[in-house]
Amino acid sequence: MSLESFIRAMPKAELHIHLEGSIRPHTLLQLAQRNGVELPFSDEAGLREYYRFTDFAHFIEVWYVINKALQTAADFTLITYELGKEAAEQHTRYMEVTFTPTTTVERLGISYDDLLAAINLGADRAQQEFGVIMRWINDADRARDPELTLTTEQWAAAAQDRGVVALGLGGFEPDGPPAEFATAFAMGRKDGLHCIPHQGEYAGPESIWQAIRLLHAERIGHGIHAAEDPALMEYLKQHGIALEICPTSNVCTRVVDKLADHPIRTLFAAGVPVTLNSDDPAMFNTTLTDEYLLAAQHFGFSADQLAQISLNAVRYSFQPETDKQRMIAEFEAEFEKLRAEHL
């Protein structure tokens, strides 16, 4: 047996994955054809070529193009169900999934409540069939008017009884520094939402400090530039602010030039709470399992270290504490069994 077989069988949780970026290539083509949407490619090979990003801005541009294939509430039900099915195949038990509601509501003219109901329909079916639990992060687009973030927050706050756990902030960081969204995130905290901005993916460590000080971020989406600031890494460690690390994504969007430049090892060695994630797996031709295999094969993480990273995803999730502790105990028992069987 081997470390690879251990990784493939190990229980996992994922905290940073975008629903719209997880659409299977075959499904994306089917939806475009069914909905009469013309895309800049006609087959899966063309789609893979289209997913060769020149930089982060190009990735955002492509993200908007493929979203055009999603035209109905039923489309969102389908892609959510398929996300749960693929997660189960990787032994992923729990996911906090980001989606960007204002863009979809404006584009399709459906209500937020109908959109969330469609997503939950797919999630409920996936949980019944595969046992995968999905919760939701409402993502605000920092390229849009910050006033729209207030709308996103209001929708999220009113939907906490329907699986929404947090307010997020995504997009190209120079388009919207944290200060512009402080009011919405303050409202979110008051309303009981967790706060998870993407930060320090493209911009430097000061942007992460701003997210902590101005938005009171509880986790940081990406956050890889924290590795440039020892004081920041120590702060993240001492205050238990986890980073949602997505190595393949960072290379594909040219945030880092090559894997050898990725700072995940520096962050881990400094004691920063690190989690592994796939971000937009279909767009980056990866899976959560692939990210764990990459961590082992390229960055030299051991089975015990990977188990620690997997447990971090549970510890820093926004599940109720009793559910969290139960899942941690289940994961730890499985790791012991898998060590005996595979290592």
C-alpha atoms as a PDB file:
ATOM      1  CA  MET A   1       0.000   0.000   0.000  1.00  0.00           C
ATOM      2  CA  SER A   2       1.086   3.617  -0.256  1.00  0.00           C
ATOM      3  CA  LEU A   3       0.671   7.252   0.732  1.00  0.00           C
ATOM      4  CA  GLU A   4      -1.289   7.750  -2.484  1.00  0.00           C
ATOM      5  CA  SER A   5      -3.853   5.111  -1.532  1.00  0.00           C
ATOM      6  CA  PHE A   6      -4.061   6.673   1.946  1.00  0.00           C
ATOM      7  CA  ILE A   7      -4.831  10.071   0.411  1.00  0.00           C
ATOM      8  CA  ARG A   8      -7.457   8.699  -1.935  1.00  0.00           C
ATOM      9  CA  ALA A   9      -9.263   6.953   0.926  1.00  0.00           C
ATOM     10  CA  MET A  10      -8.893   9.600   3.642  1.00  0.00           C
ATOM     11  CA  PRO A  11     -11.914  11.576   4.871  1.00  0.00           C
ATOM     12  CA  LYS A  12     -11.906  15.206   3.764  1.00  0.00           C
ATOM     13  CA  ALA A  13     -13.722  18.498   4.187  1.00  0.00           C
ATOM     14  CA  GLU A  14     -13.485  21.508   1.876  1.00  0.00           C
ATOM     15  CA  LEU A  15     -13.928  25.171   2.773  1.00  0.00           C
ATOM     16  CA  HIS A  16     -13.065  26.993  -0.461  1.00  0.00           C
ATOM     17  CA  ILE A  17     -14.888  25.887  -3.594  1.00  0.00           C
ATOM     18  CA  HIS A  18     -17.069  27.931  -5.943  1.00  0.00           C
ATOM     19  CA  LEU A  19     -20.281  26.357  -7.163  1.00  0.00           C
ATOM     20  CA  GLU A  20     -20.134  28.123 -10.526  1.00  0.00           C
ATOM     21  CA  GLY A  21     -16.539  27.013 -11.059  1.00  0.00           C
ATOM     22  CA  SER A  22     -17.271  23.367 -10.349  1.00  0.00           C
ATOM     23  CA  ILE A  23     -19.458  22.586 -13.381  1.00  0.00           C
ATOM     24  CA  ARG A  24     -18.350  19.386 -15.089  1.00  0.00           C
ATOM     25  CA  PRO A  25     -17.156  20.082 -18.656  1.00  0.00           C
ATOM     26  CA  HIS A  26     -19.703  17.643 -20.127  1.00  0.00           C
ATOM     27  CA  THR A  27     -22.491  19.268 -18.107  1.00  0.00           C
ATOM     28  CA  LEU A  28     -21.410  22.773 -19.123  1.00  0.00           C
ATOM     29  CA  LEU A  29     -21.601  21.847 -22.794  1.00  0.00           C
ATOM     30  CA  GLN A  30     -24.983  20.189 -22.305  1.00  0.00           C
ATOM     31  CA  LEU A  31     -26.405  23.200 -20.489  1.00  0.00           C
ATOM     32  CA  ALA A  32     -25.140  25.610 -23.135  1.00  0.00           C
ATOM     33  CA  GLN A  33     -26.723  23.519 -25.886  1.00  0.00           C
ATOM     34  CA  ARG A  34     -29.996  23.066 -24.013  1.00  0.00           C
ATOM     35  CA  ASN A  35     -30.237  26.766 -23.190  1.00  0.00           C
ATOM     36  CA  GLY A  36     -29.192  28.039 -26.610  1.00  0.00           C
ATOM     37  CA  VAL A  37     -26.077  29.735 -25.253  1.00  0.00           C
ATOM     38  CA  GLU A  38     -23.170  30.129 -27.650  1.00  0.00           C
ATOM     39  CA  LEU A  39     -19.791  29.602 -25.987  1.00  0.00           C
ATOM     40  CA  PRO A  40     -16.296  30.133 -27.477  1.00  0.00           C
ATOM     41  CA  PHE A  41     -15.747  26.357 -27.725  1.00  0.00           C
ATOM     42  CA  SER A  42     -17.742  23.364 -28.942  1.00  0.00           C
ATOM     43  CA  ASP A  43     -16.230  20.347 -27.193  1.00  0.00           C
ATOM     44  CA  GLU A  44     -14.311  19.382 -24.076  1.00  0.00           C
ATOM     45  CA  ALA A  45     -10.946  19.751 -25.780  1.00  0.00           C
ATOM     46  CA  GLY A  46     -11.845  23.300 -26.768  1.00  0.00           C
ATOM     47  CA  LEU A  47     -13.019  23.995 -23.240  1.00  0.00           C
ATOM     48  CA  ARG A  48      -9.722  22.794 -21.780  1.00  0.00           C
ATOM     49  CA  GLU A  49      -7.885  25.105 -24.158  1.00  0.00           C
ATOM     50  CA  TYR A  50     -10.203  27.955 -23.163  1.00  0.00           C
ATOM     51  CA  TYR A  51      -9.245  27.325 -19.538  1.00  0.00           C
ATOM     52  CA  ARG A  52      -5.615  28.278 -20.161  1.00  0.00           C
ATOM     53  CA  PHE A  53      -5.496  31.538 -18.238  1.00  0.00           C
ATOM     54  CA  THR A  54      -2.993  34.279 -18.953  1.00  0.00           C
ATOM     55  CA  ASP A  55      -3.471  36.009 -15.604  1.00  0.00           C
ATOM     56  CA  PHE A  56      -5.994  36.483 -12.815  1.00  0.00           C
ATOM     57  CA  ALA A  57      -8.000  39.103 -14.731  1.00  0.00           C
ATOM     58  CA  HIS A  58      -8.349  36.676 -17.641  1.00  0.00           C
ATOM     59  CA  PHE A  59      -9.643  34.020 -15.261  1.00  0.00           C
ATOM     60  CA  ILE A  60     -12.378  36.410 -14.039  1.00  0.00           C
ATOM     61  CA  GLU A  61     -13.312  37.163 -17.645  1.00  0.00           C
ATOM     62  CA  VAL A  62     -13.665  33.452 -18.444  1.00  0.00           C
ATOM     63  CA  TRP A  63     -15.646  32.860 -15.243  1.00  0.00           C
ATOM     64  CA  TYR A  64     -18.310  35.314 -16.414  1.00  0.00           C
ATOM     65  CA  VAL A  65     -18.475  33.686 -19.863  1.00  0.00           C
ATOM     66  CA  ILE A  66     -19.111  30.158 -18.605  1.00  0.00           C
ATOM     67  CA  ASN A  67     -21.748  31.403 -16.173  1.00  0.00           C
ATOM     68  CA  LYS A  68     -23.894  32.317 -19.169  1.00  0.00           C
ATOM     69  CA  ALA A  69     -24.622  28.611 -19.633  1.00  0.00           C
ATOM     70  CA  LEU A  70     -26.585  28.673 -16.362  1.00  0.00           C
ATOM     71  CA  GLN A  71     -30.010  29.944 -17.355  1.00  0.00           C
ATOM     72  CA  THR A  72     -32.585  28.334 -15.062  1.00  0.00           C
ATOM     73  CA  ALA A  73     -33.064  27.368 -11.435  1.00  0.00           C
ATOM     74  CA  ALA A  74     -32.990  23.724 -12.524  1.00  0.00           C
ATOM     75  CA  ASP A  75     -29.470  24.243 -13.883  1.00  0.00           C
ATOM     76  CA  PHE A  76     -28.311  25.199 -10.391  1.00  0.00           C
ATOM     77  CA  THR A  77     -30.023  22.160  -8.905  1.00  0.00           C
ATOM     78  CA  LEU A  78     -28.158  19.936 -11.351  1.00  0.00           C
ATOM     79  CA  ILE A  79     -24.685  21.367 -10.799  1.00  0.00           C
ATOM     80  CA  THR A  80     -25.134  21.295  -7.016  1.00  0.00           C
ATOM     81  CA  TYR A  81     -26.167  17.644  -7.083  1.00  0.00           C
ATOM     82  CA  GLU A  82     -23.214  16.771  -9.317  1.00  0.00           C
ATOM     83  CA  LEU A  83     -20.865  18.651  -6.992  1.00  0.00           C
ATOM     84  CA  GLY A  84     -22.084  16.524  -4.092  1.00  0.00           C
ATOM     85  CA  LYS A  85     -21.697  13.332  -6.109  1.00  0.00           C
ATOM     86  CA  GLU A  86     -18.108  14.149  -7.064  1.00  0.00           C
ATOM     87  CA  ALA A  87     -17.308  15.115  -3.479  1.00  0.00           C
ATOM     88  CA  ALA A  88     -18.519  11.753  -2.218  1.00  0.00           C
ATOM     89  CA  GLU A  89     -16.276   9.990  -4.722  1.00  0.00           C
ATOM     90  CA  GLN A  90     -13.325  11.720  -3.010  1.00  0.00           C
ATOM     91  CA  HIS A  91     -14.543  10.887   0.507  1.00  0.00           C
ATOM     92  CA  THR A  92     -15.406  14.519   1.171  1.00  0.00           C
ATOM     93  CA  ARG A  93     -17.969  14.644   3.971  1.00  0.00           C
ATOM     94  CA  TYR A  94     -18.544  18.363   4.460  1.00  0.00           C
ATOM     95  CA  MET A  95     -18.254  21.428   2.203  1.00  0.00           C
ATOM     96  CA  GLU A  96     -18.737  25.155   2.565  1.00  0.00           C
ATOM     97  CA  VAL A  97     -19.558  26.199  -0.975  1.00  0.00           C
ATOM     98  CA  THR A  98     -19.351  29.763  -2.275  1.00  0.00           C
ATOM     99  CA  PHE A  99     -21.765  31.162  -4.832  1.00  0.00           C
ATOM    100  CA  THR A 100     -22.283  34.708  -6.102  1.00  0.00           C
ATOM    101  CA  PRO A 101     -26.008  35.487  -5.938  1.00  0.00           C
ATOM    102  CA  THR A 102     -26.294  39.101  -7.094  1.00  0.00           C
ATOM    103  CA  THR A 103     -24.799  38.342 -10.501  1.00  0.00           C
ATOM    104  CA  THR A 104     -27.197  35.448 -11.083  1.00  0.00           C
ATOM    105  CA  VAL A 105     -30.283  37.230  -9.772  1.00  0.00           C
ATOM    106  CA  GLU A 106     -29.630  40.221 -12.028  1.00  0.00           C
ATOM    107  CA  ARG A 107     -28.778  38.130 -15.067  1.00  0.00           C
ATOM    108  CA  LEU A 108     -31.664  35.670 -14.879  1.00  0.00           C
ATOM    109  CA  GLY A 109     -34.317  37.807 -13.208  1.00  0.00           C
ATOM    110  CA  ILE A 110     -35.106  35.160 -10.593  1.00  0.00           C
ATOM    111  CA  SER A 111     -35.377  35.853  -6.893  1.00  0.00           C
ATOM    112  CA  TYR A 112     -32.628  35.043  -4.427  1.00  0.00           C
ATOM    113  CA  ASP A 113     -35.026  32.793  -2.526  1.00  0.00           C
ATOM    114  CA  ASP A 114     -35.800  30.789  -5.670  1.00  0.00           C
ATOM    115  CA  LEU A 115     -32.095  30.508  -6.491  1.00  0.00           C
ATOM    116  CA  LEU A 116     -31.234  29.261  -3.014  1.00  0.00           C
ATOM    117  CA  ALA A 117     -34.171  26.845  -3.054  1.00  0.00           C
ATOM    118  CA  ALA A 118     -32.896  25.354  -6.320  1.00  0.00           C
ATOM    119  CA  ILE A 119     -29.388  24.975  -4.926  1.00  0.00           C
ATOM    120  CA  ASN A 120     -30.694  23.383  -1.736  1.00  0.00           C
ATOM    121  CA  LEU A 121     -32.798  20.963  -3.763  1.00  0.00           C
ATOM    122  CA  GLY A 122     -29.625  19.612  -5.362  1.00  0.00           C
ATOM    123  CA  ALA A 123     -27.781  19.627  -2.036  1.00  0.00           C
ATOM    124  CA  ASP A 124     -30.550  17.765  -0.216  1.00  0.00           C
ATOM    125  CA  ARG A 125     -30.617  15.083  -2.885  1.00  0.00           C
ATOM    126  CA  ALA A 126     -26.823  14.736  -2.727  1.00  0.00           C
ATOM    127  CA  GLN A 127     -26.912  14.454   1.063  1.00  0.00           C
ATOM    128  CA  GLN A 128     -29.620  11.792   0.943  1.00  0.00           C
ATOM    129  CA  GLU A 129     -27.812   9.734  -1.681  1.00  0.00           C
ATOM    130  CA  PHE A 130     -24.163  10.282  -0.764  1.00  0.00           C
ATOM    131  CA  GLY A 131     -24.076  11.666   2.775  1.00  0.00           C
ATOM    132  CA  VAL A 132     -22.277  14.889   1.772  1.00  0.00           C
ATOM    133  CA  ILE A 133     -23.233  17.979   3.783  1.00  0.00           C
ATOM    134  CA  MET A 134     -23.101  21.339   1.988  1.00  0.00           C
ATOM    135  CA  ARG A 135     -23.392  24.782   3.505  1.00  0.00           C
ATOM    136  CA  TRP A 136     -23.293  28.119   1.686  1.00  0.00           C
ATOM    137  CA  ILE A 137     -21.192  31.261   1.570  1.00  0.00           C
ATOM    138  CA  ASN A 138     -22.821  34.227  -0.170  1.00  0.00           C
ATOM    139  CA  ASP A 139     -20.032  35.899  -2.106  1.00  0.00           C
ATOM    140  CA  ALA A 140     -20.008  39.610  -2.917  1.00  0.00           C
ATOM    141  CA  ASP A 141     -18.195  40.720  -6.067  1.00  0.00           C
ATOM    142  CA  ARG A 142     -15.666  43.414  -5.191  1.00  0.00           C
ATOM    143  CA  ALA A 143     -15.744  44.682  -8.790  1.00  0.00           C
ATOM    144  CA  ARG A 144     -19.358  45.778  -8.336  1.00  0.00           C
ATOM    145  CA  ASP A 145     -20.833  48.715  -6.440  1.00  0.00           C
ATOM    146  CA  PRO A 146     -20.154  48.118  -2.725  1.00  0.00           C
ATOM    147  CA  GLU A 147     -23.828  48.908  -2.115  1.00  0.00           C
ATOM    148  CA  LEU A 148     -24.653  45.550  -3.696  1.00  0.00           C
ATOM    149  CA  THR A 149     -22.710  43.891  -0.902  1.00  0.00           C
ATOM    150  CA  LEU A 150     -25.343  45.216   1.492  1.00  0.00           C
ATOM    151  CA  THR A 151     -27.966  43.367  -0.546  1.00  0.00           C
ATOM    152  CA  THR A 152     -25.868  40.205  -0.499  1.00  0.00           C
ATOM    153  CA  GLU A 153     -25.529  40.510   3.272  1.00  0.00           C
ATOM    154  CA  GLN A 154     -29.275  40.980   3.761  1.00  0.00           C
ATOM    155  CA  TRP A 155     -30.037  37.905   1.673  1.00  0.00           C
ATOM    156  CA  ALA A 156     -27.461  35.850   3.554  1.00  0.00           C
ATOM    157  CA  ALA A 157     -28.631  36.997   6.976  1.00  0.00           C
ATOM    158  CA  ALA A 158     -32.222  36.044   6.195  1.00  0.00           C
ATOM    159  CA  ALA A 159     -31.194  32.603   4.878  1.00  0.00           C
ATOM    160  CA  GLN A 160     -29.247  31.235   7.818  1.00  0.00           C
ATOM    161  CA  ASP A 161     -32.063  28.761   8.406  1.00  0.00           C
ATOM    162  CA  ARG A 162     -31.482  27.464   4.867  1.00  0.00           C
ATOM    163  CA  GLY A 163     -27.802  26.613   5.094  1.00  0.00           C
ATOM    164  CA  VAL A 164     -26.106  29.985   4.595  1.00  0.00           C
ATOM    165  CA  VAL A 165     -23.263  30.399   7.093  1.00  0.00           C
ATOM    166  CA  ALA A 166     -21.111  33.276   5.890  1.00  0.00           C
ATOM    167  CA  LEU A 167     -20.597  36.406   3.845  1.00  0.00           C
ATOM    168  CA  GLY A 168     -17.705  36.246   1.411  1.00  0.00           C
ATOM    169  CA  LEU A 169     -15.884  38.711  -0.821  1.00  0.00           C
ATOM    170  CA  GLY A 170     -14.310  37.650  -4.105  1.00  0.00           C
ATOM    171  CA  GLY A 171     -12.941  39.008  -7.343  1.00  0.00           C
ATOM    172  CA  PHE A 172      -9.848  40.924  -8.389  1.00  0.00           C
ATOM    173  CA  GLU A 173      -8.461  42.518  -5.219  1.00  0.00           C
ATOM    174  CA  PRO A 174      -7.361  45.869  -6.723  1.00  0.00           C
ATOM    175  CA  ASP A 175     -11.003  46.407  -7.778  1.00  0.00           C
ATOM    176  CA  GLY A 176     -12.144  46.706  -4.186  1.00  0.00           C
ATOM    177  CA  PRO A 177     -10.007  47.045  -1.048  1.00  0.00           C
ATOM    178  CA  PRO A 178     -11.500  45.827   2.247  1.00  0.00           C
ATOM    179  CA  ALA A 179     -12.343  49.333   3.498  1.00  0.00           C
ATOM    180  CA  GLU A 180     -15.065  49.647   0.856  1.00  0.00           C
ATOM    181  CA  PHE A 181     -16.947  46.685   2.338  1.00  0.00           C
ATOM    182  CA  ALA A 182     -16.566  47.371   6.049  1.00  0.00           C
ATOM    183  CA  THR A 183     -20.192  48.449   6.504  1.00  0.00           C
ATOM    184  CA  ALA A 184     -21.622  45.304   4.935  1.00  0.00           C
ATOM    185  CA  PHE A 185     -19.343  43.028   6.926  1.00  0.00           C
ATOM    186  CA  ALA A 186     -20.177  44.856  10.161  1.00  0.00           C
ATOM    187  CA  MET A 187     -23.848  44.232   9.405  1.00  0.00           C
ATOM    188  CA  GLY A 188     -23.042  40.590   8.714  1.00  0.00           C
ATOM    189  CA  ARG A 189     -21.347  40.139  12.071  1.00  0.00           C
ATOM    190  CA  LYS A 190     -24.260  41.797  13.832  1.00  0.00           C
ATOM    191  CA  ASP A 191     -26.657  39.469  12.027  1.00  0.00           C
ATOM    192  CA  GLY A 192     -24.703  36.364  13.044  1.00  0.00           C
ATOM    193  CA  LEU A 193     -22.884  35.681   9.786  1.00  0.00           C
ATOM    194  CA  HIS A 194     -19.267  34.565   9.617  1.00  0.00           C
ATOM    195  CA  CYS A 195     -16.888  36.686   7.526  1.00  0.00           C
ATOM    196  CA  ILE A 196     -14.574  35.164   4.911  1.00  0.00           C
ATOM    197  CA  PRO A 197     -13.041  37.521   2.339  1.00  0.00           C
ATOM    198  CA  HIS A 198     -10.709  36.424  -0.423  1.00  0.00           C
ATOM    199  CA  GLN A 199      -7.548  38.336   0.408  1.00  0.00           C
ATOM    200  CA  GLY A 200      -3.832  38.065  -0.113  1.00  0.00           C
ATOM    201  CA  GLU A 201      -4.314  36.025  -3.248  1.00  0.00           C
ATOM    202  CA  TYR A 202      -3.160  38.712  -5.648  1.00  0.00           C
ATOM    203  CA  ALA A 203      -2.424  41.565  -3.217  1.00  0.00           C
ATOM    204  CA  GLY A 204       0.246  41.611  -0.522  1.00  0.00           C
ATOM    205  CA  PRO A 205       0.183  40.994   3.231  1.00  0.00           C
ATOM    206  CA  GLU A 206      -1.108  44.480   4.034  1.00  0.00           C
ATOM    207  CA  SER A 207      -4.366  43.551   2.310  1.00  0.00           C
ATOM    208  CA  ILE A 208      -4.727  40.627   4.736  1.00  0.00           C
ATOM    209  CA  TRP A 209      -4.103  42.911   7.702  1.00  0.00           C
ATOM    210  CA  GLN A 210      -6.871  45.167   6.355  1.00  0.00           C
ATOM    211  CA  ALA A 211      -9.250  42.217   6.037  1.00  0.00           C
ATOM    212  CA  ILE A 212      -8.558  41.295   9.664  1.00  0.00           C
ATOM    213  CA  ARG A 213      -8.751  44.816  11.071  1.00  0.00           C
ATOM    214  CA  LEU A 214     -11.594  46.224   8.970  1.00  0.00           C
ATOM    215  CA  LEU A 215     -13.692  43.166   8.139  1.00  0.00           C
ATOM    216  CA  HIS A 216     -12.824  41.023  11.176  1.00  0.00           C
ATOM    217  CA  ALA A 217     -12.133  38.075   8.889  1.00  0.00           C
ATOM    218  CA  GLU A 218     -12.446  34.690  10.599  1.00  0.00           C
ATOM    219  CA  ARG A 219     -10.788  32.806   7.739  1.00  0.00           C
ATOM    220  CA  ILE A 220      -8.962  34.117   4.705  1.00  0.00           C
ATOM    221  CA  GLY A 221      -9.642  32.894   1.195  1.00  0.00           C
ATOM    222  CA  HIS A 222      -6.174  32.098  -0.219  1.00  0.00           C
ATOM    223  CA  GLY A 223      -4.027  34.471   1.863  1.00  0.00           C
ATOM    224  CA  ILE A 224      -0.777  33.113   0.451  1.00  0.00           C
ATOM    225  CA  HIS A 225       1.027  36.463   0.626  1.00  0.00           C
ATOM    226  CA  ALA A 226       0.922  36.192   4.414  1.00  0.00           C
ATOM    227  CA  ALA A 227       4.123  34.198   3.964  1.00  0.00           C
ATOM    228  CA  GLU A 228       5.918  37.490   3.263  1.00  0.00           C
ATOM    229  CA  ASP A 229       5.186  38.866   6.743  1.00  0.00           C
ATOM    230  CA  PRO A 230       6.406  36.894   9.794  1.00  0.00           C
ATOM    231  CA  ALA A 231       4.356  39.063  12.155  1.00  0.00           C
ATOM    232  CA  LEU A 232       1.217  38.327  10.162  1.00  0.00           C
ATOM    233  CA  MET A 233       1.883  34.595  10.166  1.00  0.00           C
ATOM    234  CA  GLU A 234       2.329  34.694  13.936  1.00  0.00           C
ATOM    235  CA  TYR A 235      -0.933  36.627  14.276  1.00  0.00           C
ATOM    236  CA  LEU A 236      -2.815  34.089  12.172  1.00  0.00           C
ATOM    237  CA  LYS A 237      -1.363  31.292  14.272  1.00  0.00           C
ATOM    238  CA  GLN A 238      -2.125  32.913  17.628  1.00  0.00           C
ATOM    239  CA  HIS A 239      -5.656  33.961  16.688  1.00  0.00           C
ATOM    240  CA  GLY A 240      -6.626  30.789  14.854  1.00  0.00           C
ATOM    241  CA  ILE A 241      -7.384  32.446  11.512  1.00  0.00           C
ATOM    242  CA  ALA A 242      -7.164  29.704   8.920  1.00  0.00           C
ATOM    243  CA  LEU A 243      -6.029  30.130   5.338  1.00  0.00           C
ATOM    244  CA  GLU A 244      -7.939  28.427   2.533  1.00  0.00           C
ATOM    245  CA  ILE A 245      -5.010  27.392   0.344  1.00  0.00           C
ATOM    246  CA  CYS A 246      -5.592  26.421  -3.302  1.00  0.00           C
ATOM    247  CA  PRO A 247      -2.209  25.572  -4.912  1.00  0.00           C
ATOM    248  CA  THR A 248      -3.369  24.529  -8.387  1.00  0.00           C
ATOM    249  CA  SER A 249      -5.608  27.579  -8.637  1.00  0.00           C
ATOM    250  CA  ASN A 250      -2.714  29.879  -7.745  1.00  0.00           C
ATOM    251  CA  VAL A 251      -0.570  28.443 -10.524  1.00  0.00           C
ATOM    252  CA  CYS A 252      -3.365  28.417 -13.117  1.00  0.00           C
ATOM    253  CA  THR A 253      -4.249  32.066 -12.513  1.00  0.00           C
ATOM    254  CA  ARG A 254      -0.528  33.016 -12.484  1.00  0.00           C
ATOM    255  CA  VAL A 255      -0.701  34.282  -8.927  1.00  0.00           C
ATOM    256  CA  VAL A 256       2.470  32.232  -8.517  1.00  0.00           C
ATOM    257  CA  ASP A 257       4.647  31.436 -11.515  1.00  0.00           C
ATOM    258  CA  LYS A 258       5.215  27.768 -10.668  1.00  0.00           C
ATOM    259  CA  LEU A 259       4.594  25.276  -7.890  1.00  0.00           C
ATOM    260  CA  ALA A 260       8.134  25.672  -6.612  1.00  0.00           C
ATOM    261  CA  ASP A 261       7.264  29.279  -5.749  1.00  0.00           C
ATOM    262  CA  HIS A 262       4.162  28.405  -3.741  1.00  0.00           C
ATOM    263  CA  PRO A 263       4.502  29.315  -0.038  1.00  0.00           C
ATOM    264  CA  ILE A 264       2.296  26.596   1.474  1.00  0.00           C
ATOM    265  CA  ARG A 265       5.306  24.967   3.153  1.00  0.00           C
ATOM    266  CA  THR A 266       6.412  28.275   4.691  1.00  0.00           C
ATOM    267  CA  LEU A 267       2.922  28.909   6.038  1.00  0.00           C
ATOM    268  CA  PHE A 268       2.552  25.411   7.442  1.00  0.00           C
ATOM    269  CA  ALA A 269       5.996  25.487   9.067  1.00  0.00           C
ATOM    270  CA  ALA A 270       5.113  28.797  10.746  1.00  0.00           C
ATOM    271  CA  GLY A 271       2.108  27.162  12.410  1.00  0.00           C
ATOM    272  CA  VAL A 272      -0.499  29.018  10.375  1.00  0.00           C
ATOM    273  CA  PRO A 273      -3.735  26.976  10.250  1.00  0.00           C
ATOM    274  CA  VAL A 274      -3.709  25.706   6.664  1.00  0.00           C
ATOM    275  CA  THR A 275      -6.490  23.980   4.739  1.00  0.00           C
ATOM    276  CA  LEU A 276      -6.365  22.523   1.218  1.00  0.00           C
ATOM    277  CA  ASN A 277      -9.013  23.358  -1.361  1.00  0.00           C
ATOM    278  CA  SER A 278      -9.789  23.078  -5.071  1.00  0.00           C
ATOM    279  CA  ASP A 279     -11.325  26.574  -5.593  1.00  0.00           C
ATOM    280  CA  ASP A 280     -12.805  26.203  -9.121  1.00  0.00           C
ATOM    281  CA  PRO A 281     -11.981  22.538  -9.778  1.00  0.00           C
ATOM    282  CA  ALA A 282     -13.498  22.167 -13.228  1.00  0.00           C
ATOM    283  CA  MET A 283     -11.771  25.307 -14.474  1.00  0.00           C
ATOM    284  CA  PHE A 284      -8.396  24.245 -13.080  1.00  0.00           C
ATOM    285  CA  ASN A 285      -8.733  20.548 -13.976  1.00  0.00           C
ATOM    286  CA  THR A 286      -8.245  19.490 -10.372  1.00  0.00           C
ATOM    287  CA  THR A 287     -10.072  17.896  -7.452  1.00  0.00           C
ATOM    288  CA  LEU A 288      -9.650  18.071  -3.706  1.00  0.00           C
ATOM    289  CA  THR A 289      -7.955  14.672  -3.828  1.00  0.00           C
ATOM    290  CA  ASP A 290      -5.575  16.027  -6.466  1.00  0.00           C
ATOM    291  CA  GLU A 291      -4.648  18.888  -4.129  1.00  0.00           C
ATOM    292  CA  TYR A 292      -3.755  16.420  -1.368  1.00  0.00           C
ATOM    293  CA  LEU A 293      -1.747  14.311  -3.808  1.00  0.00           C
ATOM    294  CA  LEU A 294       0.067  17.456  -4.934  1.00  0.00           C
ATOM    295  CA  ALA A 295       0.816  18.372  -1.327  1.00  0.00           C
ATOM    296  CA  ALA A 296       2.407  14.968  -0.804  1.00  0.00           C
ATOM    297  CA  GLN A 297       4.211  14.534  -4.086  1.00  0.00           C
ATOM    298  CA  HIS A 298       5.437  18.073  -4.709  1.00  0.00           C
ATOM    299  CA  PHE A 299       5.610  19.661  -1.260  1.00  0.00           C
ATOM    300  CA  GLY A 300       6.578  16.584   0.726  1.00  0.00           C
ATOM    301  CA  PHE A 301       3.741  16.535   3.240  1.00  0.00           C
ATOM    302  CA  SER A 302       3.502  13.316   5.242  1.00  0.00           C
ATOM    303  CA  ALA A 303       0.384  11.292   5.972  1.00  0.00           C
ATOM    304  CA  ASP A 304       0.199  12.729   9.492  1.00  0.00           C
ATOM    305  CA  GLN A 305       0.564  16.283   8.195  1.00  0.00           C
ATOM    306  CA  LEU A 306      -2.129  15.726   5.586  1.00  0.00           C
ATOM    307  CA  ALA A 307      -4.411  14.299   8.253  1.00  0.00           C
ATOM    308  CA  GLN A 308      -3.761  17.455  10.284  1.00  0.00           C
ATOM    309  CA  ILE A 309      -4.682  19.629   7.292  1.00  0.00           C
ATOM    310  CA  SER A 310      -7.863  17.638   6.728  1.00  0.00           C
ATOM    311  CA  LEU A 311      -8.801  18.004  10.386  1.00  0.00           C
ATOM    312  CA  ASN A 312      -8.101  21.748  10.120  1.00  0.00           C
ATOM    313  CA  ALA A 313     -10.877  21.980   7.539  1.00  0.00           C
ATOM    314  CA  VAL A 314     -13.282  20.523  10.077  1.00  0.00           C
ATOM    315  CA  ARG A 315     -11.964  22.557  13.033  1.00  0.00           C
ATOM    316  CA  TYR A 316     -12.213  25.852  11.171  1.00  0.00           C
ATOM    317  CA  SER A 317     -15.546  25.094   9.523  1.00  0.00           C
ATOM    318  CA  PHE A 318     -18.718  26.846  10.630  1.00  0.00           C
ATOM    319  CA  GLN A 319     -20.585  23.755  11.726  1.00  0.00           C
ATOM    320  CA  PRO A 320     -22.272  23.762  15.130  1.00  0.00           C
ATOM    321  CA  GLU A 321     -19.689  22.814  17.756  1.00  0.00           C
ATOM    322  CA  THR A 322     -21.310  19.478  18.590  1.00  0.00           C
ATOM    323  CA  ASP A 323     -21.352  18.459  14.905  1.00  0.00           C
ATOM    324  CA  LYS A 324     -17.768  19.628  14.512  1.00  0.00           C
ATOM    325  CA  GLN A 325     -16.491  17.599  17.445  1.00  0.00           C
ATOM    326  CA  ARG A 326     -18.361  14.525  16.274  1.00  0.00           C
ATOM    327  CA  MET A 327     -16.856  14.829  12.798  1.00  0.00           C
ATOM    328  CA  ILE A 328     -13.351  15.355  14.211  1.00  0.00           C
ATOM    329  CA  ALA A 329     -13.718  12.149  16.239  1.00  0.00           C
ATOM    330  CA  GLU A 330     -14.951  10.269  13.167  1.00  0.00           C
ATOM    331  CA  PHE A 331     -12.062  11.552  11.054  1.00  0.00           C
ATOM    332  CA  GLU A 332      -9.460  10.677  13.699  1.00  0.00           C
ATOM    333  CA  ALA A 333     -10.793   7.127  14.002  1.00  0.00           C
ATOM    334  CA  GLU A 334     -10.694   6.691  10.239  1.00  0.00           C
ATOM    335  CA  PHE A 335      -7.150   8.027  10.011  1.00  0.00           C
ATOM    336  CA  GLU A 336      -5.979   5.450  12.532  1.00  0.00           C
ATOM    337  CA  LYS A 337      -7.579   2.679  10.518  1.00  0.00           C
ATOM    338  CA  LEU A 338      -6.184   3.979   7.225  1.00  0.00           C
ATOM    339  CA  ARG A 339      -2.656   4.247   8.624  1.00  0.00           C
ATOM    340  CA  ALA A 340      -2.795   0.568   9.515  1.00  0.00           C
ATOM    341  CA  GLU A 341      -4.213  -0.410   6.139  1.00  0.00           C
ATOM    342  CA  HIS A 342      -2.223   1.804   3.745  1.00  0.00           C
ATOM    343  CA  LEU A 343       1.094   2.832   5.336  1.00  0.00           C
END
